[in-house]
N, C-alpha and C. Protein backbone atom coordinates (compact mmCIF):
# COMPACT_ATOMS: atom_id res chain seq x y z
N UNK A 1 69.01 -64.16 -30.32
CA UNK A 1 70.43 -64.14 -30.06
C UNK A 1 70.79 -62.88 -29.29
N UNK A 2 71.82 -63.02 -28.49
CA UNK A 2 72.32 -61.88 -27.72
C UNK A 2 73.84 -61.89 -27.83
N UNK A 3 74.44 -60.71 -27.88
CA UNK A 3 75.89 -60.66 -28.06
C UNK A 3 76.62 -60.99 -26.76
N UNK A 4 77.71 -61.72 -26.89
CA UNK A 4 78.54 -62.04 -25.72
C UNK A 4 79.01 -60.77 -25.05
N UNK A 5 79.38 -59.78 -25.83
CA UNK A 5 79.83 -58.50 -25.26
C UNK A 5 78.77 -57.91 -24.34
N UNK A 6 77.52 -57.86 -24.81
CA UNK A 6 76.45 -57.27 -24.00
C UNK A 6 76.16 -58.08 -22.74
N UNK A 7 76.17 -59.40 -22.87
CA UNK A 7 75.91 -60.26 -21.71
C UNK A 7 76.98 -60.05 -20.65
N UNK A 8 78.24 -60.07 -21.06
CA UNK A 8 79.33 -59.91 -20.10
C UNK A 8 79.37 -58.51 -19.50
N UNK A 9 79.14 -57.50 -20.32
CA UNK A 9 79.11 -56.12 -19.83
C UNK A 9 78.00 -55.96 -18.78
N UNK A 10 76.86 -56.57 -19.06
CA UNK A 10 75.71 -56.52 -18.16
C UNK A 10 76.01 -57.16 -16.80
N UNK A 11 76.89 -58.16 -16.79
CA UNK A 11 77.16 -58.88 -15.55
C UNK A 11 77.84 -58.02 -14.49
N UNK A 12 78.43 -56.91 -14.89
CA UNK A 12 79.10 -56.01 -13.95
C UNK A 12 78.20 -54.85 -13.48
N UNK A 13 77.02 -54.74 -14.05
CA UNK A 13 76.14 -53.62 -13.70
C UNK A 13 75.44 -53.87 -12.37
N UNK A 14 75.28 -52.80 -11.59
CA UNK A 14 74.58 -52.93 -10.31
C UNK A 14 73.08 -53.15 -10.54
N UNK A 15 72.57 -52.67 -11.66
CA UNK A 15 71.17 -52.91 -12.04
C UNK A 15 71.18 -53.50 -13.45
N UNK A 16 71.30 -54.83 -13.54
CA UNK A 16 71.36 -55.47 -14.86
C UNK A 16 70.05 -55.32 -15.63
N UNK A 17 70.15 -55.44 -16.93
CA UNK A 17 68.97 -55.37 -17.80
C UNK A 17 67.97 -56.44 -17.37
N UNK A 18 66.69 -56.08 -17.38
CA UNK A 18 65.64 -57.02 -17.00
C UNK A 18 65.27 -57.98 -18.11
N UNK A 19 65.57 -57.60 -19.34
CA UNK A 19 65.23 -58.43 -20.49
C UNK A 19 66.31 -58.22 -21.55
N UNK A 20 66.77 -59.31 -22.14
CA UNK A 20 67.74 -59.23 -23.23
C UNK A 20 67.31 -60.19 -24.33
N UNK A 21 66.72 -59.64 -25.39
CA UNK A 21 66.33 -60.43 -26.56
C UNK A 21 65.57 -61.71 -26.21
N UNK A 22 64.54 -61.60 -25.40
CA UNK A 22 63.72 -62.75 -25.05
C UNK A 22 64.12 -63.44 -23.76
N UNK A 23 65.30 -63.11 -23.23
CA UNK A 23 65.74 -63.65 -21.94
C UNK A 23 65.27 -62.72 -20.83
N UNK A 24 64.60 -63.29 -19.85
CA UNK A 24 64.08 -62.51 -18.74
C UNK A 24 64.91 -62.76 -17.49
N UNK A 25 65.31 -61.67 -16.83
CA UNK A 25 66.12 -61.76 -15.62
C UNK A 25 65.32 -62.41 -14.50
N UNK A 26 65.91 -63.41 -13.86
CA UNK A 26 65.31 -64.02 -12.67
C UNK A 26 65.95 -63.33 -11.47
N UNK A 27 65.25 -62.36 -10.92
CA UNK A 27 65.79 -61.57 -9.81
C UNK A 27 66.02 -62.40 -8.56
N UNK A 28 65.27 -63.48 -8.38
CA UNK A 28 65.43 -64.30 -7.19
C UNK A 28 66.72 -65.12 -7.23
N UNK A 29 67.28 -65.34 -8.41
CA UNK A 29 68.51 -66.12 -8.54
C UNK A 29 69.73 -65.25 -8.89
N UNK A 30 69.52 -63.97 -9.09
CA UNK A 30 70.58 -63.08 -9.54
C UNK A 30 71.06 -62.17 -8.42
N UNK A 31 72.34 -61.81 -8.49
CA UNK A 31 72.91 -60.86 -7.53
C UNK A 31 74.09 -60.14 -8.18
N UNK A 32 74.91 -59.47 -7.39
CA UNK A 32 76.01 -58.69 -7.95
C UNK A 32 77.13 -59.56 -8.53
N UNK A 33 77.13 -60.86 -8.24
CA UNK A 33 78.16 -61.75 -8.79
C UNK A 33 77.72 -62.48 -10.06
N UNK A 34 76.43 -62.71 -10.19
CA UNK A 34 75.94 -63.43 -11.37
C UNK A 34 74.48 -63.10 -11.64
N UNK A 35 74.12 -63.25 -12.91
CA UNK A 35 72.74 -63.06 -13.31
C UNK A 35 72.26 -64.33 -14.00
N UNK A 36 71.00 -64.67 -13.74
CA UNK A 36 70.36 -65.81 -14.39
C UNK A 36 69.20 -65.26 -15.22
N UNK A 37 69.20 -65.62 -16.49
CA UNK A 37 68.13 -65.25 -17.41
C UNK A 37 67.49 -66.53 -17.92
N UNK A 38 66.20 -66.42 -18.23
CA UNK A 38 65.50 -67.57 -18.80
C UNK A 38 64.71 -67.11 -20.01
N UNK A 39 64.81 -67.87 -21.09
CA UNK A 39 64.05 -67.60 -22.29
C UNK A 39 62.95 -68.66 -22.35
N UNK A 40 61.70 -68.30 -22.01
CA UNK A 40 60.62 -69.28 -21.97
C UNK A 40 60.27 -69.87 -23.34
N UNK A 41 60.46 -69.12 -24.40
CA UNK A 41 60.15 -69.63 -25.74
C UNK A 41 61.13 -70.71 -26.18
N UNK A 42 62.39 -70.55 -25.80
CA UNK A 42 63.42 -71.52 -26.19
C UNK A 42 63.73 -72.51 -25.07
N UNK A 43 63.11 -72.31 -23.90
CA UNK A 43 63.40 -73.13 -22.71
C UNK A 43 64.91 -73.19 -22.47
N UNK A 44 65.50 -72.00 -22.37
CA UNK A 44 66.94 -71.87 -22.31
C UNK A 44 67.35 -70.96 -21.16
N UNK A 45 68.31 -71.43 -20.35
CA UNK A 45 68.90 -70.62 -19.28
C UNK A 45 70.17 -69.98 -19.81
N UNK A 46 70.38 -68.74 -19.44
CA UNK A 46 71.62 -68.02 -19.70
C UNK A 46 72.11 -67.47 -18.38
N UNK A 47 73.25 -67.96 -17.92
CA UNK A 47 73.83 -67.47 -16.67
C UNK A 47 75.13 -66.77 -17.00
N UNK A 48 75.30 -65.58 -16.46
CA UNK A 48 76.51 -64.81 -16.68
C UNK A 48 77.17 -64.52 -15.34
N UNK A 49 78.47 -64.77 -15.26
CA UNK A 49 79.20 -64.60 -14.01
C UNK A 49 80.24 -63.49 -14.17
N UNK A 50 80.17 -62.51 -13.29
CA UNK A 50 81.12 -61.40 -13.33
C UNK A 50 82.50 -61.86 -12.88
N UNK A 51 83.51 -61.18 -13.36
CA UNK A 51 84.87 -61.44 -12.93
C UNK A 51 85.17 -60.69 -11.64
N UNK A 52 86.43 -60.53 -11.35
CA UNK A 52 86.87 -59.85 -10.14
C UNK A 52 86.32 -58.43 -10.12
N UNK A 53 85.55 -58.10 -9.08
CA UNK A 53 85.00 -56.76 -9.00
C UNK A 53 84.95 -56.21 -7.57
N UNK A 54 85.61 -56.88 -6.64
CA UNK A 54 85.73 -56.34 -5.29
C UNK A 54 86.94 -56.96 -4.60
N UNK A 55 87.28 -56.46 -3.45
CA UNK A 55 88.47 -56.91 -2.74
C UNK A 55 88.39 -58.39 -2.36
N UNK A 56 87.22 -58.86 -2.00
CA UNK A 56 87.06 -60.28 -1.64
C UNK A 56 87.41 -61.20 -2.80
N UNK A 57 87.13 -60.74 -4.02
CA UNK A 57 87.42 -61.55 -5.20
C UNK A 57 88.92 -61.74 -5.42
N UNK A 58 89.74 -60.85 -4.90
CA UNK A 58 91.19 -61.00 -5.03
C UNK A 58 91.63 -62.30 -4.33
N UNK A 59 91.02 -62.60 -3.20
CA UNK A 59 91.29 -63.86 -2.51
C UNK A 59 90.84 -65.05 -3.34
N UNK A 60 89.72 -64.90 -4.04
CA UNK A 60 89.24 -65.97 -4.92
C UNK A 60 90.21 -66.17 -6.08
N UNK A 61 90.74 -65.06 -6.62
CA UNK A 61 91.75 -65.15 -7.68
C UNK A 61 92.97 -65.93 -7.19
N UNK A 62 93.40 -65.65 -5.97
CA UNK A 62 94.54 -66.37 -5.40
C UNK A 62 94.24 -67.87 -5.30
N UNK A 63 93.05 -68.19 -4.82
CA UNK A 63 92.67 -69.61 -4.70
C UNK A 63 92.62 -70.28 -6.07
N UNK A 64 92.16 -69.57 -7.09
CA UNK A 64 92.19 -70.10 -8.45
C UNK A 64 93.63 -70.42 -8.85
N UNK A 65 94.53 -69.50 -8.57
CA UNK A 65 95.93 -69.65 -8.94
C UNK A 65 96.61 -70.86 -8.31
N UNK A 66 96.13 -71.26 -7.14
CA UNK A 66 96.75 -72.43 -6.48
C UNK A 66 95.88 -73.69 -6.65
N UNK A 67 94.89 -73.60 -7.54
CA UNK A 67 94.08 -74.78 -7.86
C UNK A 67 93.01 -75.11 -6.84
N UNK A 68 92.56 -74.12 -6.07
CA UNK A 68 91.58 -74.36 -5.00
C UNK A 68 90.29 -73.55 -5.21
N UNK A 69 89.95 -73.24 -6.45
CA UNK A 69 88.76 -72.43 -6.74
C UNK A 69 87.50 -73.03 -6.14
N UNK A 70 87.37 -74.35 -6.19
CA UNK A 70 86.15 -75.01 -5.69
C UNK A 70 85.98 -74.87 -4.18
N UNK A 71 86.99 -74.40 -3.48
CA UNK A 71 86.89 -74.19 -2.03
C UNK A 71 86.38 -72.80 -1.67
N UNK A 72 86.13 -71.96 -2.66
CA UNK A 72 85.76 -70.56 -2.39
C UNK A 72 84.26 -70.37 -2.30
N UNK A 73 83.85 -69.35 -1.56
CA UNK A 73 82.42 -69.04 -1.46
C UNK A 73 81.88 -68.57 -2.81
N UNK A 74 82.70 -67.91 -3.61
CA UNK A 74 82.26 -67.42 -4.92
C UNK A 74 81.90 -68.60 -5.83
N UNK A 75 82.73 -69.65 -5.84
CA UNK A 75 82.43 -70.85 -6.62
C UNK A 75 81.17 -71.52 -6.10
N UNK A 76 81.09 -71.72 -4.80
CA UNK A 76 79.96 -72.43 -4.19
C UNK A 76 78.65 -71.69 -4.45
N UNK A 77 78.68 -70.36 -4.38
CA UNK A 77 77.49 -69.57 -4.66
C UNK A 77 77.03 -69.77 -6.10
N UNK A 78 77.95 -69.72 -7.05
CA UNK A 78 77.61 -69.89 -8.46
C UNK A 78 77.09 -71.30 -8.74
N UNK A 79 77.72 -72.30 -8.15
CA UNK A 79 77.29 -73.68 -8.34
C UNK A 79 75.88 -73.89 -7.79
N UNK A 80 75.61 -73.36 -6.62
CA UNK A 80 74.27 -73.46 -6.03
C UNK A 80 73.24 -72.76 -6.92
N UNK A 81 73.61 -71.60 -7.45
CA UNK A 81 72.70 -70.83 -8.29
C UNK A 81 72.35 -71.57 -9.58
N UNK A 82 73.34 -72.13 -10.26
CA UNK A 82 73.05 -72.84 -11.51
C UNK A 82 72.19 -74.08 -11.23
N UNK A 83 72.46 -74.76 -10.13
CA UNK A 83 71.66 -75.93 -9.77
C UNK A 83 70.20 -75.54 -9.48
N UNK A 84 70.01 -74.44 -8.76
CA UNK A 84 68.64 -73.95 -8.48
C UNK A 84 67.92 -73.56 -9.77
N UNK A 85 68.64 -72.90 -10.67
CA UNK A 85 68.04 -72.47 -11.94
C UNK A 85 67.59 -73.68 -12.76
N UNK A 86 68.42 -74.70 -12.81
CA UNK A 86 68.06 -75.90 -13.57
C UNK A 86 66.87 -76.62 -12.94
N UNK A 87 66.82 -76.66 -11.63
CA UNK A 87 65.67 -77.28 -10.94
C UNK A 87 64.39 -76.48 -11.17
N UNK A 88 64.53 -75.17 -11.18
CA UNK A 88 63.36 -74.30 -11.33
C UNK A 88 62.79 -74.36 -12.75
N UNK A 89 63.66 -74.34 -13.76
CA UNK A 89 63.20 -74.20 -15.15
C UNK A 89 63.23 -75.48 -15.97
N UNK A 90 63.98 -76.47 -15.56
CA UNK A 90 64.12 -77.71 -16.34
C UNK A 90 64.36 -77.36 -17.82
N UNK A 91 65.47 -76.68 -18.11
CA UNK A 91 65.69 -76.14 -19.46
C UNK A 91 66.06 -77.21 -20.48
N UNK A 92 65.83 -76.88 -21.75
CA UNK A 92 66.30 -77.71 -22.86
C UNK A 92 67.79 -77.47 -23.10
N UNK A 93 68.23 -76.23 -22.79
CA UNK A 93 69.63 -75.86 -23.00
C UNK A 93 70.05 -74.85 -21.93
N UNK A 94 71.30 -74.96 -21.50
CA UNK A 94 71.86 -74.01 -20.54
C UNK A 94 73.18 -73.49 -21.08
N UNK A 95 73.32 -72.17 -21.06
CA UNK A 95 74.56 -71.52 -21.47
C UNK A 95 75.10 -70.78 -20.25
N UNK A 96 76.37 -71.03 -19.93
CA UNK A 96 77.02 -70.36 -18.80
C UNK A 96 78.17 -69.54 -19.37
N UNK A 97 78.18 -68.25 -19.07
CA UNK A 97 79.22 -67.34 -19.57
C UNK A 97 79.91 -66.66 -18.40
N UNK A 98 81.08 -66.13 -18.68
CA UNK A 98 81.78 -65.37 -17.67
C UNK A 98 83.00 -64.68 -18.25
N UNK A 99 83.43 -63.66 -17.55
CA UNK A 99 84.61 -62.91 -17.93
C UNK A 99 85.65 -63.04 -16.82
N UNK A 100 86.89 -63.32 -17.19
CA UNK A 100 88.00 -63.38 -16.26
C UNK A 100 87.75 -64.43 -15.18
N UNK A 101 87.69 -64.04 -13.93
CA UNK A 101 87.38 -64.98 -12.85
C UNK A 101 86.04 -65.66 -13.12
N UNK A 102 85.08 -64.92 -13.64
CA UNK A 102 83.76 -65.49 -13.96
C UNK A 102 83.85 -66.58 -15.01
N UNK A 103 84.77 -66.44 -15.96
CA UNK A 103 84.98 -67.47 -16.97
C UNK A 103 85.53 -68.74 -16.32
N UNK A 104 86.45 -68.57 -15.40
CA UNK A 104 87.03 -69.72 -14.70
C UNK A 104 85.96 -70.45 -13.90
N UNK A 105 85.11 -69.69 -13.21
CA UNK A 105 84.03 -70.30 -12.44
C UNK A 105 83.06 -71.01 -13.37
N UNK A 106 82.70 -70.37 -14.48
CA UNK A 106 81.78 -70.99 -15.45
C UNK A 106 82.31 -72.33 -15.94
N UNK A 107 83.60 -72.40 -16.18
CA UNK A 107 84.22 -73.65 -16.65
C UNK A 107 84.03 -74.78 -15.65
N UNK A 108 84.00 -74.47 -14.39
CA UNK A 108 83.87 -75.50 -13.36
C UNK A 108 82.43 -75.84 -13.00
N UNK A 109 81.53 -74.86 -13.03
CA UNK A 109 80.15 -75.14 -12.60
C UNK A 109 79.28 -75.72 -13.70
N UNK A 110 79.65 -75.48 -14.94
CA UNK A 110 78.85 -76.00 -16.04
C UNK A 110 78.99 -77.51 -16.14
N UNK A 111 77.88 -78.15 -16.48
CA UNK A 111 77.91 -79.61 -16.64
C UNK A 111 78.39 -79.93 -18.06
N UNK A 112 78.60 -81.20 -18.32
CA UNK A 112 79.06 -81.63 -19.65
C UNK A 112 78.01 -81.38 -20.72
N UNK A 113 76.74 -81.18 -20.32
CA UNK A 113 75.67 -80.91 -21.27
C UNK A 113 75.46 -79.42 -21.53
N UNK A 114 76.09 -78.58 -20.74
CA UNK A 114 75.93 -77.13 -20.89
C UNK A 114 76.91 -76.60 -21.93
N UNK A 115 76.54 -75.47 -22.50
CA UNK A 115 77.46 -74.74 -23.36
C UNK A 115 78.13 -73.69 -22.49
N UNK A 116 79.46 -73.67 -22.49
CA UNK A 116 80.20 -72.73 -21.65
C UNK A 116 81.00 -71.82 -22.57
N UNK A 117 80.82 -70.50 -22.38
CA UNK A 117 81.51 -69.52 -23.20
C UNK A 117 82.18 -68.52 -22.27
N UNK A 118 83.49 -68.42 -22.36
CA UNK A 118 84.22 -67.51 -21.49
C UNK A 118 85.06 -66.52 -22.26
N UNK A 119 85.44 -65.46 -21.56
CA UNK A 119 86.34 -64.45 -22.12
C UNK A 119 87.45 -64.17 -21.12
N UNK A 120 88.68 -64.29 -21.60
CA UNK A 120 89.87 -63.93 -20.82
C UNK A 120 89.90 -64.58 -19.44
N UNK A 121 89.58 -65.86 -19.42
CA UNK A 121 89.58 -66.59 -18.17
C UNK A 121 90.98 -66.89 -17.67
N UNK A 122 91.11 -67.00 -16.35
CA UNK A 122 92.38 -67.37 -15.76
C UNK A 122 92.56 -68.88 -15.79
N UNK A 123 93.77 -69.31 -15.99
CA UNK A 123 94.10 -70.74 -16.03
C UNK A 123 95.22 -71.02 -15.04
N UNK A 124 95.28 -72.26 -14.63
CA UNK A 124 96.41 -72.71 -13.82
C UNK A 124 97.29 -73.57 -14.71
N UNK A 125 98.50 -73.78 -14.31
CA UNK A 125 99.43 -74.59 -15.10
C UNK A 125 98.88 -76.00 -15.22
N UNK A 126 98.79 -76.48 -16.44
CA UNK A 126 98.32 -77.83 -16.70
C UNK A 126 96.80 -77.98 -16.77
N UNK A 127 96.05 -76.92 -16.51
CA UNK A 127 94.58 -77.00 -16.57
C UNK A 127 94.14 -77.24 -18.00
N UNK A 128 93.22 -78.14 -18.20
CA UNK A 128 92.70 -78.46 -19.53
C UNK A 128 91.33 -77.80 -19.72
N UNK A 129 91.03 -77.48 -20.96
CA UNK A 129 89.69 -76.98 -21.27
C UNK A 129 88.80 -78.17 -21.62
N UNK A 130 87.52 -78.00 -21.40
CA UNK A 130 86.55 -79.07 -21.64
C UNK A 130 86.00 -78.97 -23.05
N UNK A 131 85.49 -80.08 -23.57
CA UNK A 131 85.00 -80.15 -24.94
C UNK A 131 83.80 -79.24 -25.19
N UNK A 132 82.98 -78.99 -24.18
CA UNK A 132 81.78 -78.17 -24.35
C UNK A 132 82.05 -76.69 -24.08
N UNK A 133 83.30 -76.30 -24.09
CA UNK A 133 83.70 -74.95 -23.73
C UNK A 133 84.31 -74.23 -24.93
N UNK A 134 83.94 -72.97 -25.07
CA UNK A 134 84.64 -72.08 -25.99
C UNK A 134 85.13 -70.91 -25.15
N UNK A 135 86.43 -70.81 -25.04
CA UNK A 135 87.03 -69.70 -24.30
C UNK A 135 87.71 -68.78 -25.30
N UNK A 136 87.30 -67.53 -25.28
CA UNK A 136 87.93 -66.53 -26.11
C UNK A 136 88.93 -65.79 -25.26
N UNK A 137 90.03 -65.42 -25.87
CA UNK A 137 90.98 -64.55 -25.20
C UNK A 137 91.36 -63.47 -26.19
N UNK A 138 91.52 -62.29 -25.68
CA UNK A 138 91.89 -61.16 -26.51
C UNK A 138 93.40 -61.12 -26.62
N UNK A 139 93.90 -60.96 -27.82
CA UNK A 139 95.35 -60.87 -28.02
C UNK A 139 95.95 -59.82 -27.10
N UNK A 140 97.00 -60.19 -26.39
CA UNK A 140 97.65 -59.27 -25.47
C UNK A 140 97.19 -59.40 -24.03
N UNK A 141 96.13 -60.16 -23.79
CA UNK A 141 95.63 -60.33 -22.42
C UNK A 141 96.56 -61.22 -21.62
N UNK A 142 96.97 -60.76 -20.45
CA UNK A 142 97.89 -61.52 -19.61
C UNK A 142 97.18 -62.54 -18.72
N UNK A 143 95.96 -62.24 -18.28
CA UNK A 143 95.23 -63.13 -17.37
C UNK A 143 95.01 -64.49 -18.02
N UNK A 144 94.69 -64.50 -19.30
CA UNK A 144 94.38 -65.75 -20.01
C UNK A 144 95.58 -66.35 -20.73
N UNK A 145 96.77 -65.84 -20.45
CA UNK A 145 97.97 -66.26 -21.18
C UNK A 145 98.24 -67.76 -21.09
N UNK A 146 97.97 -68.38 -19.95
CA UNK A 146 98.22 -69.82 -19.81
C UNK A 146 97.24 -70.67 -20.62
N UNK A 147 96.22 -70.04 -21.19
CA UNK A 147 95.27 -70.75 -22.03
C UNK A 147 95.70 -70.83 -23.49
N UNK A 148 96.72 -70.08 -23.87
CA UNK A 148 97.19 -70.08 -25.25
C UNK A 148 97.59 -71.50 -25.65
N UNK A 149 97.11 -71.92 -26.80
CA UNK A 149 97.45 -73.24 -27.30
C UNK A 149 96.49 -74.34 -26.86
N UNK A 150 95.60 -74.04 -25.92
CA UNK A 150 94.61 -75.03 -25.50
C UNK A 150 93.64 -75.27 -26.66
N UNK A 151 93.11 -76.47 -26.72
CA UNK A 151 92.24 -76.88 -27.82
C UNK A 151 91.00 -76.00 -27.99
N UNK A 152 90.38 -75.57 -26.92
CA UNK A 152 89.12 -74.83 -27.00
C UNK A 152 89.27 -73.34 -26.65
N UNK A 153 90.48 -72.83 -26.82
CA UNK A 153 90.75 -71.41 -26.57
C UNK A 153 91.04 -70.74 -27.90
N UNK A 154 90.29 -69.69 -28.19
CA UNK A 154 90.46 -68.96 -29.45
C UNK A 154 90.92 -67.54 -29.15
N UNK A 155 92.05 -67.16 -29.72
CA UNK A 155 92.55 -65.80 -29.55
C UNK A 155 91.94 -64.93 -30.63
N UNK A 156 91.36 -63.80 -30.22
CA UNK A 156 90.75 -62.87 -31.16
C UNK A 156 91.45 -61.52 -31.06
N UNK A 157 91.34 -60.74 -32.12
CA UNK A 157 91.97 -59.43 -32.13
C UNK A 157 91.26 -58.47 -31.20
N UNK A 158 92.02 -57.60 -30.62
CA UNK A 158 91.50 -56.55 -29.77
C UNK A 158 90.76 -55.53 -30.64
N UNK A 159 89.52 -55.21 -30.29
CA UNK A 159 88.71 -54.26 -31.06
C UNK A 159 89.21 -52.83 -30.92
N UNK A 160 90.04 -52.57 -29.93
CA UNK A 160 90.55 -51.22 -29.72
C UNK A 160 92.09 -51.25 -29.77
N UNK A 161 92.66 -51.64 -30.94
CA UNK A 161 94.11 -51.83 -31.04
C UNK A 161 94.93 -50.57 -30.79
N UNK A 162 94.39 -49.39 -31.06
CA UNK A 162 95.15 -48.17 -30.86
C UNK A 162 95.39 -47.89 -29.37
N UNK A 163 94.64 -48.55 -28.51
CA UNK A 163 94.84 -48.42 -27.06
C UNK A 163 95.37 -49.74 -26.47
N UNK A 164 95.82 -50.63 -27.33
CA UNK A 164 96.17 -51.98 -26.89
C UNK A 164 97.27 -51.98 -25.83
N UNK A 165 96.95 -52.65 -24.75
CA UNK A 165 97.88 -52.87 -23.66
C UNK A 165 97.34 -54.08 -22.91
N UNK A 166 98.12 -54.66 -21.99
CA UNK A 166 97.56 -55.78 -21.22
C UNK A 166 96.27 -55.42 -20.49
N UNK A 167 96.11 -54.17 -20.08
CA UNK A 167 94.90 -53.77 -19.33
C UNK A 167 93.70 -53.60 -20.25
N UNK A 168 93.91 -52.93 -21.41
CA UNK A 168 92.78 -52.76 -22.32
C UNK A 168 92.43 -54.07 -23.00
N UNK A 169 93.41 -54.95 -23.18
CA UNK A 169 93.14 -56.25 -23.79
C UNK A 169 92.24 -57.10 -22.91
N UNK A 170 92.31 -56.91 -21.61
CA UNK A 170 91.49 -57.69 -20.68
C UNK A 170 90.06 -57.14 -20.58
N UNK A 171 89.86 -55.92 -20.99
CA UNK A 171 88.56 -55.26 -20.90
C UNK A 171 87.55 -55.90 -21.85
N UNK A 172 86.31 -56.01 -21.40
CA UNK A 172 85.24 -56.60 -22.22
C UNK A 172 85.05 -55.83 -23.52
N UNK A 173 85.26 -54.53 -23.51
CA UNK A 173 85.07 -53.73 -24.72
C UNK A 173 86.04 -54.12 -25.83
N UNK A 174 87.08 -54.88 -25.50
CA UNK A 174 88.03 -55.33 -26.53
C UNK A 174 87.37 -56.28 -27.53
N UNK A 175 86.18 -56.83 -27.19
CA UNK A 175 85.48 -57.72 -28.13
C UNK A 175 84.19 -57.09 -28.68
N UNK A 176 84.02 -55.82 -28.44
CA UNK A 176 82.78 -55.14 -28.81
C UNK A 176 82.40 -55.33 -30.28
N UNK A 177 83.36 -55.27 -31.16
CA UNK A 177 83.04 -55.38 -32.60
C UNK A 177 83.21 -56.80 -33.13
N UNK A 178 83.45 -57.77 -32.26
CA UNK A 178 83.72 -59.14 -32.72
C UNK A 178 82.46 -59.90 -33.14
N UNK A 179 81.29 -59.43 -32.76
CA UNK A 179 80.03 -60.03 -33.17
C UNK A 179 79.89 -61.52 -32.77
N UNK A 180 80.34 -61.82 -31.55
CA UNK A 180 80.16 -63.18 -31.01
C UNK A 180 78.81 -63.22 -30.35
N UNK A 181 77.94 -64.11 -30.83
CA UNK A 181 76.58 -64.21 -30.30
C UNK A 181 76.36 -65.53 -29.58
N UNK A 182 75.43 -65.47 -28.65
CA UNK A 182 75.04 -66.66 -27.89
C UNK A 182 73.69 -67.12 -28.39
């Protein structure tokens, strides 16, 4: 098992961990936007998608807001990557995770057979969550506000309440002590 906090935190690193609790980084499928890990003992893929982390991603956020995420290069890159990973490994199980924009992308690229776990994902008005998805949102987070009340969205307490604000609530460290494992 690996903690959701560690997986998501790792997705923003310029040099991600090469191994996480039996999951080995596939450098040929990983880049600054997403990492693909494979656990050969469990025949399991773990893909983590970073959220907004550069100026180009702001345009992707805009496209998400108007319901056109699938038209973006960021979406297409992630979709191609997950398809290549599945072809390469033929896994028994695939888990796709993401934070913020990465959570939104994960929700769209994951198949109905995949487990999708997101944190503080952006939603559009009327967007529904899928049955195979667990989306966590930190109390006070504004980005994921339109997800409140959705069937597969769980609001959790901010781990750093003394600094609680919309900005700290969106931070991955807000779930550090929540012990959510993949």
